[in-house]
Amino acid sequence: MKNSALTIALCAGLLICSAGVNADKTGYYRWADNEGKQHFTQQPPVGRKYDFVETRSGATTHSDGIDLADESNNEQEVDDNGAAPEKMEILPPKDPVLCEKAKGNMQSLKANGARIRITNADGSTRMLNPEEIKQQENRAQQVIKLHCE
């Protein structure tokens, strides 16, 4: 039992590490202006100390501010009033496999007169009622919106 759990953990770790080698780091830059106000941007600030926060792991990398990035890429996202956004939403990368699966699920759920049978955790089966089918349609639509559009 211990050996199989260890093997699974080791394989999962190797898979995660190998996927991370080819993936670019995704995250945001956190830095403070002269007045101490915190800013969050997609590009590093020029000539300032900043922290890079990876969105997947949450790991933070500190800089010394010597990074001389192109100033044209140093635009902070602001709204029409010139204020930084109050909420930043980090979205996962689009996954075409999840996109196609959700589209297939949506097609099945929308089929005229569809009867959807589910298997419970205890192994028993039952049919979804119309309200539960609508909930599943909403979930599939959310996945389509996140991974397809």
C-alpha atoms as a PDB file:
ATOM      1  CA  MET A   1       0.000   0.000   0.000  1.00  0.00           C
ATOM      2  CA  LYS A   2       2.817   2.421   0.938  1.00  0.00           C
ATOM      3  CA  ASN A   3       4.805   1.513  -2.156  1.00  0.00           C
ATOM      4  CA  SER A   4       1.886   2.140  -4.536  1.00  0.00           C
ATOM      5  CA  ALA A   5       1.124   5.494  -2.887  1.00  0.00           C
ATOM      6  CA  LEU A   6       4.783   6.456  -3.086  1.00  0.00           C
ATOM      7  CA  THR A   7       4.937   5.386  -6.736  1.00  0.00           C
ATOM      8  CA  ILE A   8       1.833   7.422  -7.574  1.00  0.00           C
ATOM      9  CA  ALA A   9       3.203  10.462  -5.756  1.00  0.00           C
ATOM     10  CA  LEU A  10       6.559  10.124  -7.522  1.00  0.00           C
ATOM     11  CA  CYS A  11       4.917   9.766 -10.958  1.00  0.00           C
ATOM     12  CA  ALA A  12       2.666  12.758 -10.285  1.00  0.00           C
ATOM     13  CA  GLY A  13       5.678  14.818  -9.221  1.00  0.00           C
ATOM     14  CA  LEU A  14       7.612  13.869 -12.341  1.00  0.00           C
ATOM     15  CA  LEU A  15       4.621  14.680 -14.521  1.00  0.00           C
ATOM     16  CA  ILE A  16       4.196  18.087 -12.902  1.00  0.00           C
ATOM     17  CA  CYS A  17       7.914  18.835 -13.215  1.00  0.00           C
ATOM     18  CA  SER A  18       8.056  17.786 -16.859  1.00  0.00           C
ATOM     19  CA  ALA A  19       4.982  19.886 -17.690  1.00  0.00           C
ATOM     20  CA  GLY A  20       6.518  22.858 -15.912  1.00  0.00           C
ATOM     21  CA  VAL A  21       9.735  22.672 -17.924  1.00  0.00           C
ATOM     22  CA  ASN A  22       7.940  23.517 -21.167  1.00  0.00           C
ATOM     23  CA  ALA A  23       5.450  25.988 -19.700  1.00  0.00           C
ATOM     24  CA  ASP A  24       6.247  29.656 -19.342  1.00  0.00           C
ATOM     25  CA  LYS A  25       5.891  31.136 -15.905  1.00  0.00           C
ATOM     26  CA  THR A  26       2.580  32.905 -15.560  1.00  0.00           C
ATOM     27  CA  GLY A  27       1.927  35.497 -12.940  1.00  0.00           C
ATOM     28  CA  TYR A  28       1.930  39.172 -12.146  1.00  0.00           C
ATOM     29  CA  TYR A  29       4.309  41.832 -10.867  1.00  0.00           C
ATOM     30  CA  ARG A  30       3.696  43.507  -7.506  1.00  0.00           C
ATOM     31  CA  TRP A  31       5.487  46.760  -6.722  1.00  0.00           C
ATOM     32  CA  ALA A  32       5.086  49.980  -4.731  1.00  0.00           C
ATOM     33  CA  ASP A  33       5.308  53.534  -6.060  1.00  0.00           C
ATOM     34  CA  ASN A  34       7.053  56.458  -4.299  1.00  0.00           C
ATOM     35  CA  GLU A  35       4.000  56.997  -2.084  1.00  0.00           C
ATOM     36  CA  GLY A  36       3.928  53.354  -1.004  1.00  0.00           C
ATOM     37  CA  LYS A  37       0.821  52.473  -3.037  1.00  0.00           C
ATOM     38  CA  GLN A  38       0.819  48.844  -4.220  1.00  0.00           C
ATOM     39  CA  HIS A  39       0.505  48.172  -7.963  1.00  0.00           C
ATOM     40  CA  PHE A  40      -0.156  44.912  -9.830  1.00  0.00           C
ATOM     41  CA  THR A  41       0.881  44.740 -13.485  1.00  0.00           C
ATOM     42  CA  GLN A  42       1.576  42.265 -16.278  1.00  0.00           C
ATOM     43  CA  GLN A  43       4.965  43.876 -17.058  1.00  0.00           C
ATOM     44  CA  PRO A  44       7.790  44.616 -14.592  1.00  0.00           C
ATOM     45  CA  PRO A  45       8.274  48.259 -13.608  1.00  0.00           C
ATOM     46  CA  VAL A  46      11.367  49.988 -14.981  1.00  0.00           C
ATOM     47  CA  GLY A  47      14.037  50.820 -12.404  1.00  0.00           C
ATOM     48  CA  ARG A  48      12.017  49.705  -9.365  1.00  0.00           C
ATOM     49  CA  LYS A  49      12.142  46.759  -7.028  1.00  0.00           C
ATOM     50  CA  TYR A  50       9.265  44.346  -7.586  1.00  0.00           C
ATOM     51  CA  ASP A  51       8.016  40.893  -6.691  1.00  0.00           C
ATOM     52  CA  PHE A  52       6.961  38.406  -9.363  1.00  0.00           C
ATOM     53  CA  VAL A  53       4.142  36.198  -8.057  1.00  0.00           C
ATOM     54  CA  GLU A  54       3.565  32.948  -9.951  1.00  0.00           C
ATOM     55  CA  THR A  55      -0.140  32.248 -10.296  1.00  0.00           C
ATOM     56  CA  ARG A  56       0.180  28.463 -10.351  1.00  0.00           C
ATOM     57  CA  SER A  57       2.414  27.938  -7.339  1.00  0.00           C
ATOM     58  CA  GLY A  58       2.051  31.235  -5.486  1.00  0.00           C
ATOM     59  CA  ALA A  59       5.854  31.429  -5.287  1.00  0.00           C
ATOM     60  CA  THR A  60       7.264  34.950  -5.095  1.00  0.00           C
ATOM     61  CA  THR A  61      10.530  36.049  -6.712  1.00  0.00           C
ATOM     62  CA  HIS A  62      12.106  39.341  -5.586  1.00  0.00           C
ATOM     63  CA  SER A  63      14.012  41.680  -7.893  1.00  0.00           C
ATOM     64  CA  ASP A  64      16.550  44.365  -7.114  1.00  0.00           C
ATOM     65  CA  GLY A  65      15.057  46.823  -9.610  1.00  0.00           C
ATOM     66  CA  ILE A  66      17.982  46.659 -12.031  1.00  0.00           C
ATOM     67  CA  ASP A  67      15.816  44.942 -14.644  1.00  0.00           C
ATOM     68  CA  LEU A  68      15.757  47.341 -17.589  1.00  0.00           C
ATOM     69  CA  ALA A  69      12.566  46.326 -19.349  1.00  0.00           C
ATOM     70  CA  ASP A  70      11.237  48.188 -22.368  1.00  0.00           C
ATOM     71  CA  GLU A  71       9.300  51.233 -21.120  1.00  0.00           C
ATOM     72  CA  SER A  72       6.612  50.780 -23.763  1.00  0.00           C
ATOM     73  CA  ASN A  73       5.585  47.533 -22.037  1.00  0.00           C
ATOM     74  CA  ASN A  74       5.362  49.164 -18.614  1.00  0.00           C
ATOM     75  CA  GLU A  75       1.745  50.251 -18.798  1.00  0.00           C
ATOM     76  CA  GLN A  76      -0.311  49.618 -15.708  1.00  0.00           C
ATOM     77  CA  GLU A  77      -3.864  48.490 -16.352  1.00  0.00           C
ATOM     78  CA  VAL A  78      -6.186  51.310 -15.294  1.00  0.00           C
ATOM     79  CA  ASP A  79      -9.849  52.082 -15.765  1.00  0.00           C
ATOM     80  CA  ASP A  80     -11.342  55.278 -17.225  1.00  0.00           C
ATOM     81  CA  ASN A  81     -10.878  57.141 -13.925  1.00  0.00           C
ATOM     82  CA  GLY A  82      -7.145  56.371 -13.857  1.00  0.00           C
ATOM     83  CA  ALA A  83      -7.495  53.998 -10.876  1.00  0.00           C
ATOM     84  CA  ALA A  84      -6.017  50.511 -10.687  1.00  0.00           C
ATOM     85  CA  PRO A  85      -8.579  47.681 -10.752  1.00  0.00           C
ATOM     86  CA  GLU A  86      -9.875  46.575  -7.360  1.00  0.00           C
ATOM     87  CA  LYS A  87     -10.146  42.931  -8.350  1.00  0.00           C
ATOM     88  CA  MET A  88      -7.772  40.888 -10.467  1.00  0.00           C
ATOM     89  CA  GLU A  89      -8.989  37.536 -11.741  1.00  0.00           C
ATOM     90  CA  ILE A  90      -6.402  34.949 -12.722  1.00  0.00           C
ATOM     91  CA  LEU A  91      -7.804  32.534 -15.302  1.00  0.00           C
ATOM     92  CA  PRO A  92      -6.304  29.133 -16.023  1.00  0.00           C
ATOM     93  CA  PRO A  93      -4.903  28.459 -19.491  1.00  0.00           C
ATOM     94  CA  LYS A  94      -7.471  27.277 -22.035  1.00  0.00           C
ATOM     95  CA  ASP A  95      -7.704  23.508 -22.271  1.00  0.00           C
ATOM     96  CA  PRO A  96      -8.983  22.203 -25.638  1.00  0.00           C
ATOM     97  CA  VAL A  97      -9.700  18.754 -24.149  1.00  0.00           C
ATOM     98  CA  LEU A  98     -11.996  20.237 -21.498  1.00  0.00           C
ATOM     99  CA  CYS A  99     -13.545  22.461 -24.168  1.00  0.00           C
ATOM    100  CA  GLU A 100     -14.506  19.510 -26.385  1.00  0.00           C
ATOM    101  CA  LYS A 101     -15.736  17.440 -23.429  1.00  0.00           C
ATOM    102  CA  ALA A 102     -17.951  20.291 -22.205  1.00  0.00           C
ATOM    103  CA  LYS A 103     -19.345  20.825 -25.722  1.00  0.00           C
ATOM    104  CA  GLY A 104     -20.183  17.108 -25.944  1.00  0.00           C
ATOM    105  CA  ASN A 105     -21.820  17.216 -22.516  1.00  0.00           C
ATOM    106  CA  MET A 106     -23.845  20.270 -23.519  1.00  0.00           C
ATOM    107  CA  GLN A 107     -25.034  18.539 -26.679  1.00  0.00           C
ATOM    108  CA  SER A 108     -26.131  15.482 -24.668  1.00  0.00           C
ATOM    109  CA  LEU A 109     -27.858  17.613 -22.038  1.00  0.00           C
ATOM    110  CA  LYS A 110     -29.759  19.641 -24.635  1.00  0.00           C
ATOM    111  CA  ALA A 111     -30.932  16.594 -26.616  1.00  0.00           C
ATOM    112  CA  ASN A 112     -34.704  16.565 -26.911  1.00  0.00           C
ATOM    113  CA  GLY A 113     -36.115  14.330 -24.193  1.00  0.00           C
ATOM    114  CA  ALA A 114     -32.679  13.544 -22.755  1.00  0.00           C
ATOM    115  CA  ARG A 115     -32.680  11.232 -19.781  1.00  0.00           C
ATOM    116  CA  ILE A 116     -29.435  11.434 -17.826  1.00  0.00           C
ATOM    117  CA  ARG A 117     -28.515   8.626 -15.456  1.00  0.00           C
ATOM    118  CA  ILE A 118     -25.831   9.152 -12.804  1.00  0.00           C
ATOM    119  CA  THR A 119     -24.053   6.731 -10.517  1.00  0.00           C
ATOM    120  CA  ASN A 120     -23.805   7.781  -6.877  1.00  0.00           C
ATOM    121  CA  ALA A 121     -20.762   7.230  -4.672  1.00  0.00           C
ATOM    122  CA  ASP A 122     -22.386   4.136  -3.151  1.00  0.00           C
ATOM    123  CA  GLY A 123     -22.822   2.570  -6.626  1.00  0.00           C
ATOM    124  CA  SER A 124     -26.557   3.171  -6.905  1.00  0.00           C
ATOM    125  CA  THR A 125     -27.948   4.870 -10.012  1.00  0.00           C
ATOM    126  CA  ARG A 126     -30.702   7.388 -10.530  1.00  0.00           C
ATOM    127  CA  MET A 127     -32.048   9.727 -13.186  1.00  0.00           C
ATOM    128  CA  LEU A 128     -31.382  13.478 -13.002  1.00  0.00           C
ATOM    129  CA  ASN A 129     -34.450  15.650 -12.596  1.00  0.00           C
ATOM    130  CA  PRO A 130     -34.990  18.687 -14.871  1.00  0.00           C
ATOM    131  CA  GLU A 131     -33.530  21.075 -12.281  1.00  0.00           C
ATOM    132  CA  GLU A 132     -30.348  18.996 -11.958  1.00  0.00           C
ATOM    133  CA  ILE A 133     -30.058  18.820 -15.767  1.00  0.00           C
ATOM    134  CA  LYS A 134     -30.271  22.627 -15.881  1.00  0.00           C
ATOM    135  CA  GLN A 135     -27.494  22.837 -13.250  1.00  0.00           C
ATOM    136  CA  GLN A 136     -25.314  20.520 -15.345  1.00  0.00           C
ATOM    137  CA  GLU A 137     -26.011  22.678 -18.431  1.00  0.00           C
ATOM    138  CA  ASN A 138     -24.887  25.760 -16.488  1.00  0.00           C
ATOM    139  CA  ARG A 139     -21.683  23.996 -15.396  1.00  0.00           C
ATOM    140  CA  ALA A 140     -20.945  22.887 -18.962  1.00  0.00           C
ATOM    141  CA  GLN A 141     -21.572  26.438 -20.202  1.00  0.00           C
ATOM    142  CA  GLN A 142     -19.123  27.823 -17.623  1.00  0.00           C
ATOM    143  CA  VAL A 143     -16.435  25.367 -18.769  1.00  0.00           C
ATOM    144  CA  ILE A 144     -17.113  26.264 -22.411  1.00  0.00           C
ATOM    145  CA  LYS A 145     -16.818  29.949 -21.597  1.00  0.00           C
ATOM    146  CA  LEU A 146     -13.568  29.404 -19.685  1.00  0.00           C
ATOM    147  CA  HIS A 147     -11.818  26.967 -22.033  1.00  0.00           C
ATOM    148  CA  CYS A 148     -13.335  27.560 -25.501  1.00  0.00           C
ATOM    149  CA  GLU A 149     -13.987  31.288 -25.867  1.00  0.00           C
END
